[in-house]
Amino acid sequence: LKAVNSGEVPAGISYHYYWYKDRASGGTGSGNAELHFFGHA
């Protein structure tokens, strides 16, 4: 998450809650990042 947010790498495989926890605590580590939910099974 830190690497994606800083632009070190464009994306990363993760679980949803790391981003949500950071946003809930102020978003300092996720302000430049969003989540892509693949869906479609």
PDB file of all heavy atoms in Angstrom:
ATOM      1  N   LEU A   1       0.831  -1.206   0.000  1.00  0.00           N
ATOM      2  CA  LEU A   1       0.000   0.000   0.000  1.00  0.00           C
ATOM      3  C   LEU A   1       0.867   1.258   0.000  1.00  0.00           C
ATOM      4  O   LEU A   1       0.609   2.209  -0.746  1.00  0.00           O
ATOM      5  CB  LEU A   1      -0.944  -0.002   1.207  1.00  0.00           C
ATOM      6  CG  LEU A   1      -1.848   1.229   1.352  1.00  0.00           C
ATOM      7  CD1 LEU A   1      -2.740   1.400   0.130  1.00  0.00           C
ATOM      8  CD2 LEU A   1      -2.696   1.116   2.629  1.00  0.00           C
ATOM      9  N   LYS A   2       1.886   1.257   0.814  1.00  0.00           N
ATOM     10  CA  LYS A   2       2.798   2.403   0.891  1.00  0.00           C
ATOM     11  C   LYS A   2       3.490   2.639  -0.452  1.00  0.00           C
ATOM     12  O   LYS A   2       3.613   3.776  -0.915  1.00  0.00           O
ATOM     13  CB  LYS A   2       3.838   2.166   1.987  1.00  0.00           C
ATOM     14  CG  LYS A   2       4.814   3.310   2.181  1.00  0.00           C
ATOM     15  CD  LYS A   2       5.789   3.013   3.317  1.00  0.00           C
ATOM     16  CE  LYS A   2       6.794   4.165   3.491  1.00  0.00           C
ATOM     17  NZ  LYS A   2       7.752   3.871   4.604  1.00  0.00           N
ATOM     18  N   ALA A   3       3.941   1.563  -1.089  1.00  0.00           N
ATOM     19  CA  ALA A   3       4.638   1.678  -2.365  1.00  0.00           C
ATOM     20  C   ALA A   3       3.701   2.178  -3.467  1.00  0.00           C
ATOM     21  O   ALA A   3       4.092   2.989  -4.312  1.00  0.00           O
ATOM     22  CB  ALA A   3       5.244   0.329  -2.754  1.00  0.00           C
ATOM     23  N   VAL A   4       2.466   1.691  -3.471  1.00  0.00           N
ATOM     24  CA  VAL A   4       1.490   2.133  -4.464  1.00  0.00           C
ATOM     25  C   VAL A   4       1.140   3.601  -4.240  1.00  0.00           C
ATOM     26  O   VAL A   4       1.090   4.401  -5.182  1.00  0.00           O
ATOM     27  CB  VAL A   4       0.227   1.253  -4.415  1.00  0.00           C
ATOM     28  CG1 VAL A   4      -0.883   1.857  -5.278  1.00  0.00           C
ATOM     29  CG2 VAL A   4       0.540  -0.169  -4.867  1.00  0.00           C
ATOM     30  N   ASN A   5       0.925   3.980  -3.012  1.00  0.00           N
ATOM     31  CA  ASN A   5       0.538   5.353  -2.701  1.00  0.00           C
ATOM     32  C   ASN A   5       1.626   6.356  -3.084  1.00  0.00           C
ATOM     33  O   ASN A   5       1.348   7.457  -3.555  1.00  0.00           O
ATOM     34  CB  ASN A   5       0.213   5.485  -1.213  1.00  0.00           C
ATOM     35  CG  ASN A   5      -0.433   6.804  -0.872  1.00  0.00           C
ATOM     36  OD1 ASN A   5      -1.520   7.110  -1.343  1.00  0.00           O
ATOM     37  ND2 ASN A   5       0.228   7.612  -0.057  1.00  0.00           N
ATOM     38  N   SER A   6       2.893   5.960  -2.904  1.00  0.00           N
ATOM     39  CA  SER A   6       4.012   6.849  -3.212  1.00  0.00           C
ATOM     40  C   SER A   6       4.352   6.879  -4.696  1.00  0.00           C
ATOM     41  O   SER A   6       5.133   7.725  -5.147  1.00  0.00           O
ATOM     42  CB  SER A   6       5.252   6.423  -2.426  1.00  0.00           C
ATOM     43  OG  SER A   6       5.756   5.181  -2.902  1.00  0.00           O
ATOM     44  N   GLY A   7       3.794   5.948  -5.478  1.00  0.00           N
ATOM     45  CA  GLY A   7       4.106   5.869  -6.896  1.00  0.00           C
ATOM     46  C   GLY A   7       5.298   4.995  -7.210  1.00  0.00           C
ATOM     47  O   GLY A   7       5.729   4.911  -8.363  1.00  0.00           O
ATOM     48  N   GLU A   8       5.819   4.309  -6.195  1.00  0.00           N
ATOM     49  CA  GLU A   8       6.958   3.414  -6.416  1.00  0.00           C
ATOM     50  C   GLU A   8       6.589   2.284  -7.366  1.00  0.00           C
ATOM     51  O   GLU A   8       7.397   1.811  -8.159  1.00  0.00           O
ATOM     52  CB  GLU A   8       7.425   2.861  -5.073  1.00  0.00           C
ATOM     53  CG  GLU A   8       8.578   1.880  -5.137  1.00  0.00           C
ATOM     54  CD  GLU A   8       8.941   1.344  -3.763  1.00  0.00           C
ATOM     55  OE1 GLU A   8       9.035   2.130  -2.803  1.00  0.00           O
ATOM     56  OE2 GLU A   8       9.134   0.122  -3.651  1.00  0.00           O
ATOM     57  N   VAL A   9       5.342   1.849  -7.280  1.00  0.00           N
ATOM     58  CA  VAL A   9       4.813   0.803  -8.157  1.00  0.00           C
ATOM     59  C   VAL A   9       3.352   1.165  -8.440  1.00  0.00           C
ATOM     60  O   VAL A   9       2.670   1.697  -7.564  1.00  0.00           O
ATOM     61  CB  VAL A   9       4.948  -0.589  -7.480  1.00  0.00           C
ATOM     62  CG1 VAL A   9       4.098  -0.685  -6.226  1.00  0.00           C
ATOM     63  CG2 VAL A   9       4.605  -1.716  -8.432  1.00  0.00           C
ATOM     64  N   PRO A  10       2.868   0.948  -9.663  1.00  0.00           N
ATOM     65  CA  PRO A  10       1.504   1.373  -9.995  1.00  0.00           C
ATOM     66  C   PRO A  10       0.387   0.644  -9.254  1.00  0.00           C
ATOM     67  O   PRO A  10      -0.676   1.207  -9.032  1.00  0.00           O
ATOM     68  CB  PRO A  10       1.414   1.117 -11.506  1.00  0.00           C
ATOM     69  CG  PRO A  10       2.822   1.173 -11.984  1.00  0.00           C
ATOM     70  CD  PRO A  10       3.616   0.550 -10.875  1.00  0.00           C
ATOM     71  N   ALA A  11       0.616  -0.632  -8.892  1.00  0.00           N
ATOM     72  CA  ALA A  11      -0.472  -1.428  -8.310  1.00  0.00           C
ATOM     73  C   ALA A  11       0.079  -2.553  -7.449  1.00  0.00           C
ATOM     74  O   ALA A  11       1.282  -2.834  -7.459  1.00  0.00           O
ATOM     75  CB  ALA A  11      -1.351  -2.014  -9.419  1.00  0.00           C
ATOM     76  N   GLY A  12      -0.813  -3.205  -6.715  1.00  0.00           N
ATOM     77  CA  GLY A  12      -0.410  -4.338  -5.900  1.00  0.00           C
ATOM     78  C   GLY A  12      -1.596  -5.198  -5.527  1.00  0.00           C
ATOM     79  O   GLY A  12      -2.720  -4.703  -5.373  1.00  0.00           O
ATOM     80  N   ILE A  13      -1.359  -6.496  -5.403  1.00  0.00           N
ATOM     81  CA  ILE A  13      -2.387  -7.428  -4.939  1.00  0.00           C
ATOM     82  C   ILE A  13      -2.452  -7.362  -3.419  1.00  0.00           C
ATOM     83  O   ILE A  13      -1.423  -7.442  -2.743  1.00  0.00           O
ATOM     84  CB  ILE A  13      -2.079  -8.863  -5.395  1.00  0.00           C
ATOM     85  CG1 ILE A  13      -2.068  -8.958  -6.926  1.00  0.00           C
ATOM     86  CG2 ILE A  13      -3.100  -9.839  -4.817  1.00  0.00           C
ATOM     87  CD1 ILE A  13      -1.633 -10.318  -7.455  1.00  0.00           C
ATOM     88  N   SER A  14      -3.650  -7.239  -2.892  1.00  0.00           N
ATOM     89  CA  SER A  14      -3.803  -7.066  -1.447  1.00  0.00           C
ATOM     90  C   SER A  14      -5.182  -7.552  -1.028  1.00  0.00           C
ATOM     91  O   SER A  14      -5.936  -8.127  -1.818  1.00  0.00           O
ATOM     92  CB  SER A  14      -3.611  -5.574  -1.104  1.00  0.00           C
ATOM     93  OG  SER A  14      -3.679  -5.353   0.286  1.00  0.00           O
ATOM     94  N   TYR A  15      -5.501  -7.318   0.244  1.00  0.00           N
ATOM     95  CA  TYR A  15      -6.864  -7.456   0.744  1.00  0.00           C
ATOM     96  C   TYR A  15      -7.430  -6.061   0.980  1.00  0.00           C
ATOM     97  O   TYR A  15      -6.680  -5.104   1.223  1.00  0.00           O
ATOM     98  CB  TYR A  15      -6.899  -8.242   2.053  1.00  0.00           C
ATOM     99  CG  TYR A  15      -6.800  -9.749   1.909  1.00  0.00           C
ATOM    100  CD1 TYR A  15      -6.317 -10.522   2.959  1.00  0.00           C
ATOM    101  CD2 TYR A  15      -7.201 -10.397   0.757  1.00  0.00           C
ATOM    102  CE1 TYR A  15      -6.234 -11.899   2.859  1.00  0.00           C
ATOM    103  CE2 TYR A  15      -7.121 -11.777   0.649  1.00  0.00           C
ATOM    104  CZ  TYR A  15      -6.635 -12.521   1.703  1.00  0.00           C
ATOM    105  OH  TYR A  15      -6.555 -13.884   1.586  1.00  0.00           O
ATOM    106  N   HIS A  16      -8.741  -5.960   0.946  1.00  0.00           N
ATOM    107  CA  HIS A  16      -9.402  -4.665   0.987  1.00  0.00           C
ATOM    108  C   HIS A  16      -9.122  -3.864   2.241  1.00  0.00           C
ATOM    109  O   HIS A  16      -9.046  -2.637   2.208  1.00  0.00           O
ATOM    110  CB  HIS A  16     -10.917  -4.870   0.862  1.00  0.00           C
ATOM    111  CG  HIS A  16     -11.550  -5.370   2.134  1.00  0.00           C
ATOM    112  ND1 HIS A  16     -11.540  -6.704   2.499  1.00  0.00           N
ATOM    113  CD2 HIS A  16     -12.183  -4.709   3.149  1.00  0.00           C
ATOM    114  CE1 HIS A  16     -12.154  -6.841   3.665  1.00  0.00           C
ATOM    115  NE2 HIS A  16     -12.553  -5.656   4.085  1.00  0.00           N
ATOM    116  N   TYR A  17      -8.990  -4.531   3.389  1.00  0.00           N
ATOM    117  CA  TYR A  17      -9.072  -3.824   4.662  1.00  0.00           C
ATOM    118  C   TYR A  17      -7.852  -2.962   4.976  1.00  0.00           C
ATOM    119  O   TYR A  17      -7.952  -2.028   5.785  1.00  0.00           O
ATOM    120  CB  TYR A  17      -9.370  -4.793   5.814  1.00  0.00           C
ATOM    121  CG  TYR A  17      -8.274  -5.763   6.136  1.00  0.00           C
ATOM    122  CD1 TYR A  17      -7.324  -5.479   7.105  1.00  0.00           C
ATOM    123  CD2 TYR A  17      -8.201  -6.987   5.491  1.00  0.00           C
ATOM    124  CE1 TYR A  17      -6.332  -6.389   7.419  1.00  0.00           C
ATOM    125  CE2 TYR A  17      -7.212  -7.899   5.792  1.00  0.00           C
ATOM    126  CZ  TYR A  17      -6.276  -7.597   6.759  1.00  0.00           C
ATOM    127  OH  TYR A  17      -5.292  -8.495   7.052  1.00  0.00           O
ATOM    128  N   TYR A  18      -6.716  -3.219   4.337  1.00  0.00           N
ATOM    129  CA  TYR A  18      -5.546  -2.375   4.581  1.00  0.00           C
ATOM    130  C   TYR A  18      -5.818  -0.937   4.132  1.00  0.00           C
ATOM    131  O   TYR A  18      -5.483   0.022   4.831  1.00  0.00           O
ATOM    132  CB  TYR A  18      -4.324  -2.945   3.856  1.00  0.00           C
ATOM    133  CG  TYR A  18      -3.863  -4.262   4.424  1.00  0.00           C
ATOM    134  CD1 TYR A  18      -4.288  -5.468   3.881  1.00  0.00           C
ATOM    135  CD2 TYR A  18      -3.010  -4.303   5.519  1.00  0.00           C
ATOM    136  CE1 TYR A  18      -3.877  -6.679   4.414  1.00  0.00           C
ATOM    137  CE2 TYR A  18      -2.589  -5.512   6.064  1.00  0.00           C
ATOM    138  CZ  TYR A  18      -3.031  -6.693   5.503  1.00  0.00           C
ATOM    139  OH  TYR A  18      -2.621  -7.884   6.038  1.00  0.00           O
ATOM    140  N   TRP A  19      -6.416  -0.810   2.963  1.00  0.00           N
ATOM    141  CA  TRP A  19      -6.767   0.515   2.434  1.00  0.00           C
ATOM    142  C   TRP A  19      -7.853   1.167   3.289  1.00  0.00           C
ATOM    143  O   TRP A  19      -7.753   2.342   3.635  1.00  0.00           O
ATOM    144  CB  TRP A  19      -7.237   0.360   0.989  1.00  0.00           C
ATOM    145  CG  TRP A  19      -7.577   1.639   0.275  1.00  0.00           C
ATOM    146  CD1 TRP A  19      -6.730   2.416  -0.454  1.00  0.00           C
ATOM    147  CD2 TRP A  19      -8.874   2.251   0.181  1.00  0.00           C
ATOM    148  NE1 TRP A  19      -7.410   3.491  -0.989  1.00  0.00           N
ATOM    149  CE2 TRP A  19      -8.734   3.406  -0.617  1.00  0.00           C
ATOM    150  CE3 TRP A  19     -10.127   1.937   0.696  1.00  0.00           C
ATOM    151  CZ2 TRP A  19      -9.799   4.254  -0.915  1.00  0.00           C
ATOM    152  CZ3 TRP A  19     -11.192   2.781   0.409  1.00  0.00           C
ATOM    153  CH2 TRP A  19     -11.026   3.918  -0.382  1.00  0.00           C
ATOM    154  N   TYR A  20      -8.872   0.423   3.644  1.00  0.00           N
ATOM    155  CA  TYR A  20      -9.970   0.980   4.440  1.00  0.00           C
ATOM    156  C   TYR A  20      -9.483   1.419   5.823  1.00  0.00           C
ATOM    157  O   TYR A  20      -9.917   2.461   6.340  1.00  0.00           O
ATOM    158  CB  TYR A  20     -11.094  -0.048   4.583  1.00  0.00           C
ATOM    159  CG  TYR A  20     -12.031  -0.094   3.400  1.00  0.00           C
ATOM    160  CD1 TYR A  20     -11.963  -1.137   2.478  1.00  0.00           C
ATOM    161  CD2 TYR A  20     -12.985   0.895   3.202  1.00  0.00           C
ATOM    162  CE1 TYR A  20     -12.823  -1.194   1.391  1.00  0.00           C
ATOM    163  CE2 TYR A  20     -13.851   0.844   2.122  1.00  0.00           C
ATOM    164  CZ  TYR A  20     -13.764  -0.193   1.217  1.00  0.00           C
ATOM    165  OH  TYR A  20     -14.622  -0.233   0.140  1.00  0.00           O
ATOM    166  N   LYS A  21      -8.612   0.645   6.432  1.00  0.00           N
ATOM    167  CA  LYS A  21      -8.087   1.019   7.748  1.00  0.00           C
ATOM    168  C   LYS A  21      -7.281   2.314   7.664  1.00  0.00           C
ATOM    169  O   LYS A  21      -7.380   3.183   8.532  1.00  0.00           O
ATOM    170  CB  LYS A  21      -7.236  -0.111   8.321  1.00  0.00           C
ATOM    171  CG  LYS A  21      -8.036  -1.307   8.792  1.00  0.00           C
ATOM    172  CD  LYS A  21      -7.156  -2.484   9.167  1.00  0.00           C
ATOM    173  CE  LYS A  21      -6.382  -2.245  10.429  1.00  0.00           C
ATOM    174  NZ  LYS A  21      -5.669  -3.471  10.877  1.00  0.00           N
ATOM    175  N   ASP A  22      -6.488   2.452   6.610  1.00  0.00           N
ATOM    176  CA  ASP A  22      -5.709   3.675   6.460  1.00  0.00           C
ATOM    177  C   ASP A  22      -6.627   4.871   6.220  1.00  0.00           C
ATOM    178  O   ASP A  22      -6.426   5.948   6.811  1.00  0.00           O
ATOM    179  CB  ASP A  22      -4.717   3.536   5.309  1.00  0.00           C
ATOM    180  CG  ASP A  22      -3.763   4.719   5.238  1.00  0.00           C
ATOM    181  OD1 ASP A  22      -2.769   4.724   5.994  1.00  0.00           O
ATOM    182  OD2 ASP A  22      -4.029   5.656   4.459  1.00  0.00           O
ATOM    183  N   ARG A  23      -7.627   4.724   5.380  1.00  0.00           N
ATOM    184  CA  ARG A  23      -8.571   5.817   5.128  1.00  0.00           C
ATOM    185  C   ARG A  23      -9.310   6.215   6.405  1.00  0.00           C
ATOM    186  O   ARG A  23      -9.549   7.396   6.658  1.00  0.00           O
ATOM    187  CB  ARG A  23      -9.568   5.411   4.042  1.00  0.00           C
ATOM    188  CG  ARG A  23      -8.988   5.457   2.623  1.00  0.00           C
ATOM    189  CD  ARG A  23      -8.639   6.878   2.221  1.00  0.00           C
ATOM    190  NE  ARG A  23      -8.008   6.954   0.911  1.00  0.00           N
ATOM    191  CZ  ARG A  23      -8.664   7.187  -0.232  1.00  0.00           C
ATOM    192  NH1 ARG A  23      -9.986   7.329  -0.226  1.00  0.00           N
ATOM    193  NH2 ARG A  23      -8.003   7.263  -1.364  1.00  0.00           N
ATOM    194  N   ALA A  24      -9.668   5.218   7.213  1.00  0.00           N
ATOM    195  CA  ALA A  24     -10.389   5.506   8.451  1.00  0.00           C
ATOM    196  C   ALA A  24      -9.532   6.258   9.457  1.00  0.00           C
ATOM    197  O   ALA A  24     -10.061   6.963  10.327  1.00  0.00           O
ATOM    198  CB  ALA A  24     -10.904   4.206   9.072  1.00  0.00           C
ATOM    199  N   SER A  25      -8.214   6.121   9.338  1.00  0.00           N
ATOM    200  CA  SER A  25      -7.307   6.789  10.278  1.00  0.00           C
ATOM    201  C   SER A  25      -6.691   8.064   9.702  1.00  0.00           C
ATOM    202  O   SER A  25      -5.721   8.579  10.241  1.00  0.00           O
ATOM    203  CB  SER A  25      -6.196   5.836  10.712  1.00  0.00           C
ATOM    204  OG  SER A  25      -5.408   5.446   9.599  1.00  0.00           O
ATOM    205  N   GLY A  26      -7.252   8.574   8.608  1.00  0.00           N
ATOM    206  CA  GLY A  26      -6.769   9.838   8.054  1.00  0.00           C
ATOM    207  C   GLY A  26      -6.310   9.773   6.619  1.00  0.00           C
ATOM    208  O   GLY A  26      -6.185  10.796   5.950  1.00  0.00           O
ATOM    209  N   GLY A  27      -6.002   8.577   6.115  1.00  0.00           N
ATOM    210  CA  GLY A  27      -5.649   8.409   4.710  1.00  0.00           C
ATOM    211  C   GLY A  27      -4.265   8.870   4.308  1.00  0.00           C
ATOM    212  O   GLY A  27      -3.998   9.054   3.114  1.00  0.00           O
ATOM    213  N   THR A  28      -3.358   9.009   5.272  1.00  0.00           N
ATOM    214  CA  THR A  28      -2.013   9.485   4.928  1.00  0.00           C
ATOM    215  C   THR A  28      -1.244   8.505   4.055  1.00  0.00           C
ATOM    216  O   THR A  28      -0.355   8.907   3.300  1.00  0.00           O
ATOM    217  CB  THR A  28      -1.188   9.761   6.204  1.00  0.00           C
ATOM    218  OG1 THR A  28      -1.144   8.565   7.004  1.00  0.00           O
ATOM    219  CG2 THR A  28      -1.819  10.885   7.020  1.00  0.00           C
ATOM    220  N   GLY A  29      -1.577   7.229   4.144  1.00  0.00           N
ATOM    221  CA  GLY A  29      -0.870   6.226   3.352  1.00  0.00           C
ATOM    222  C   GLY A  29      -1.653   5.715   2.167  1.00  0.00           C
ATOM    223  O   GLY A  29      -1.212   4.767   1.501  1.00  0.00           O
ATOM    224  N   SER A  30      -2.815   6.329   1.883  1.00  0.00           N
ATOM    225  CA  SER A  30      -3.655   5.818   0.803  1.00  0.00           C
ATOM    226  C   SER A  30      -4.321   6.913  -0.027  1.00  0.00           C
ATOM    227  O   SER A  30      -5.163   6.620  -0.867  1.00  0.00           O
ATOM    228  CB  SER A  30      -4.758   4.914   1.386  1.00  0.00           C
ATOM    229  OG  SER A  30      -5.582   5.660   2.290  1.00  0.00           O
ATOM    230  N   GLY A  31      -3.931   8.149   0.190  1.00  0.00           N
ATOM    231  CA  GLY A  31      -4.595   9.267  -0.489  1.00  0.00           C
ATOM    232  C   GLY A  31      -4.488   9.238  -1.992  1.00  0.00           C
ATOM    233  O   GLY A  31      -5.361   9.769  -2.697  1.00  0.00           O
ATOM    234  N   ASN A  32      -3.425   8.608  -2.520  1.00  0.00           N
ATOM    235  CA  ASN A  32      -3.226   8.531  -3.965  1.00  0.00           C
ATOM    236  C   ASN A  32      -3.628   7.171  -4.530  1.00  0.00           C
ATOM    237  O   ASN A  32      -3.359   6.889  -5.699  1.00  0.00           O
ATOM    238  CB  ASN A  32      -1.755   8.786  -4.310  1.00  0.00           C
ATOM    239  CG  ASN A  32      -1.280  10.147  -3.848  1.00  0.00           C
ATOM    240  OD1 ASN A  32      -1.994  11.135  -3.956  1.00  0.00           O
ATOM    241  ND2 ASN A  32      -0.058  10.211  -3.312  1.00  0.00           N
ATOM    242  N   ALA A  33      -4.249   6.355  -3.716  1.00  0.00           N
ATOM    243  CA  ALA A  33      -4.570   4.983  -4.118  1.00  0.00           C
ATOM    244  C   ALA A  33      -6.070   4.714  -4.022  1.00  0.00           C
ATOM    245  O   ALA A  33      -6.767   5.283  -3.176  1.00  0.00           O
ATOM    246  CB  ALA A  33      -3.818   3.990  -3.246  1.00  0.00           C
ATOM    247  N   GLU A  34      -6.548   3.847  -4.882  1.00  0.00           N
ATOM    248  CA  GLU A  34      -7.929   3.381  -4.853  1.00  0.00           C
ATOM    249  C   GLU A  34      -7.930   1.860  -4.990  1.00  0.00           C
ATOM    250  O   GLU A  34      -6.907   1.255  -5.346  1.00  0.00           O
ATOM    251  CB  GLU A  34      -8.750   4.010  -5.981  1.00  0.00           C
ATOM    252  CG  GLU A  34      -8.949   5.508  -5.861  1.00  0.00           C
ATOM    253  CD  GLU A  34      -9.868   5.920  -4.719  1.00  0.00           C
ATOM    254  OE1 GLU A  34     -10.628   5.045  -4.219  1.00  0.00           O
ATOM    255  OE2 GLU A  34      -9.822   7.094  -4.315  1.00  0.00           O
ATOM    256  N   LEU A  35      -9.082   1.271  -4.717  1.00  0.00           N
ATOM    257  CA  LEU A  35      -9.217  -0.181  -4.815  1.00  0.00           C
ATOM    258  C   LEU A  35      -9.967  -0.572  -6.076  1.00  0.00           C
ATOM    259  O   LEU A  35     -10.977   0.037  -6.424  1.00  0.00           O
ATOM    260  CB  LEU A  35      -9.960  -0.737  -3.596  1.00  0.00           C
ATOM    261  CG  LEU A  35      -9.308  -0.533  -2.235  1.00  0.00           C
ATOM    262  CD1 LEU A  35     -10.122  -1.255  -1.170  1.00  0.00           C
ATOM    263  CD2 LEU A  35      -7.864  -0.998  -2.228  1.00  0.00           C
ATOM    264  N   HIS A  36      -9.467  -1.613  -6.729  1.00  0.00           N
ATOM    265  CA  HIS A  36     -10.152  -2.218  -7.866  1.00  0.00           C
ATOM    266  C   HIS A  36     -10.653  -3.590  -7.435  1.00  0.00           C
ATOM    267  O   HIS A  36      -9.865  -4.475  -7.101  1.00  0.00           O
ATOM    268  CB  HIS A  36      -9.201  -2.349  -9.049  1.00  0.00           C
ATOM    269  CG  HIS A  36      -9.765  -3.106 -10.217  1.00  0.00           C
ATOM    270  ND1 HIS A  36     -11.010  -2.837 -10.751  1.00  0.00           N
ATOM    271  CD2 HIS A  36      -9.241  -4.129 -10.966  1.00  0.00           C
ATOM    272  CE1 HIS A  36     -11.235  -3.654 -11.769  1.00  0.00           C
ATOM    273  NE2 HIS A  36     -10.178  -4.455 -11.915  1.00  0.00           N
ATOM    274  N   PHE A  37     -11.985  -3.745  -7.393  1.00  0.00           N
ATOM    275  CA  PHE A  37     -12.610  -5.027  -7.080  1.00  0.00           C
ATOM    276  C   PHE A  37     -12.889  -5.738  -8.412  1.00  0.00           C
ATOM    277  O   PHE A  37     -13.654  -5.233  -9.235  1.00  0.00           O
ATOM    278  CB  PHE A  37     -13.910  -4.821  -6.309  1.00  0.00           C
ATOM    279  CG  PHE A  37     -13.731  -4.291  -4.916  1.00  0.00           C
ATOM    280  CD1 PHE A  37     -13.558  -2.924  -4.693  1.00  0.00           C
ATOM    281  CD2 PHE A  37     -13.723  -5.137  -3.815  1.00  0.00           C
ATOM    282  CE1 PHE A  37     -13.405  -2.427  -3.407  1.00  0.00           C
ATOM    283  CE2 PHE A  37     -13.562  -4.653  -2.527  1.00  0.00           C
ATOM    284  CZ  PHE A  37     -13.402  -3.296  -2.325  1.00  0.00           C
ATOM    285  N   PHE A  38     -12.291  -6.901  -8.619  1.00  0.00           N
ATOM    286  CA  PHE A  38     -12.411  -7.579  -9.900  1.00  0.00           C
ATOM    287  C   PHE A  38     -13.836  -8.034 -10.204  1.00  0.00           C
ATOM    288  O   PHE A  38     -14.299  -7.929 -11.337  1.00  0.00           O
ATOM    289  CB  PHE A  38     -11.456  -8.777  -9.954  1.00  0.00           C
ATOM    290  CG  PHE A  38     -10.011  -8.403 -10.102  1.00  0.00           C
ATOM    291  CD1 PHE A  38      -9.175  -8.358  -8.993  1.00  0.00           C
ATOM    292  CD2 PHE A  38      -9.484  -8.104 -11.343  1.00  0.00           C
ATOM    293  CE1 PHE A  38      -7.834  -8.020  -9.126  1.00  0.00           C
ATOM    294  CE2 PHE A  38      -8.154  -7.764 -11.490  1.00  0.00           C
ATOM    295  CZ  PHE A  38      -7.314  -7.713 -10.375  1.00  0.00           C
ATOM    296  N   GLY A  39     -14.543  -8.559  -9.202  1.00  0.00           N
ATOM    297  CA  GLY A  39     -15.903  -9.022  -9.422  1.00  0.00           C
ATOM    298  C   GLY A  39     -15.992 -10.111 -10.474  1.00  0.00           C
ATOM    299  O   GLY A  39     -15.016 -10.791 -10.798  1.00  0.00           O
ATOM    300  N   HIS A  40     -17.191 -10.320 -11.027  1.00  0.00           N
ATOM    301  CA  HIS A  40     -17.435 -11.249 -12.139  1.00  0.00           C
ATOM    302  C   HIS A  40     -16.943 -12.663 -11.851  1.00  0.00           C
ATOM    303  O   HIS A  40     -16.524 -13.388 -12.768  1.00  0.00           O
ATOM    304  CB  HIS A  40     -16.796 -10.721 -13.422  1.00  0.00           C
ATOM    305  CG  HIS A  40     -17.214  -9.329 -13.778  1.00  0.00           C
ATOM    306  ND1 HIS A  40     -18.498  -9.012 -14.188  1.00  0.00           N
ATOM    307  CD2 HIS A  40     -16.516  -8.152 -13.734  1.00  0.00           C
ATOM    308  CE1 HIS A  40     -18.576  -7.716 -14.409  1.00  0.00           C
ATOM    309  NE2 HIS A  40     -17.395  -7.161 -14.137  1.00  0.00           N
ATOM    310  N   ALA A  41     -16.950 -13.053 -10.581  1.00  0.00           N
ATOM    311  CA  ALA A  41     -16.525 -14.395 -10.152  1.00  0.00           C
ATOM    312  C   ALA A  41     -15.079 -14.694 -10.561  1.00  0.00           C
ATOM    313  O   ALA A  41     -14.687 -15.861 -10.690  1.00  0.00           O
ATOM    314  CB  ALA A  41     -17.468 -15.465 -10.692  1.00  0.00           C
TER     315      ALA A  41
END
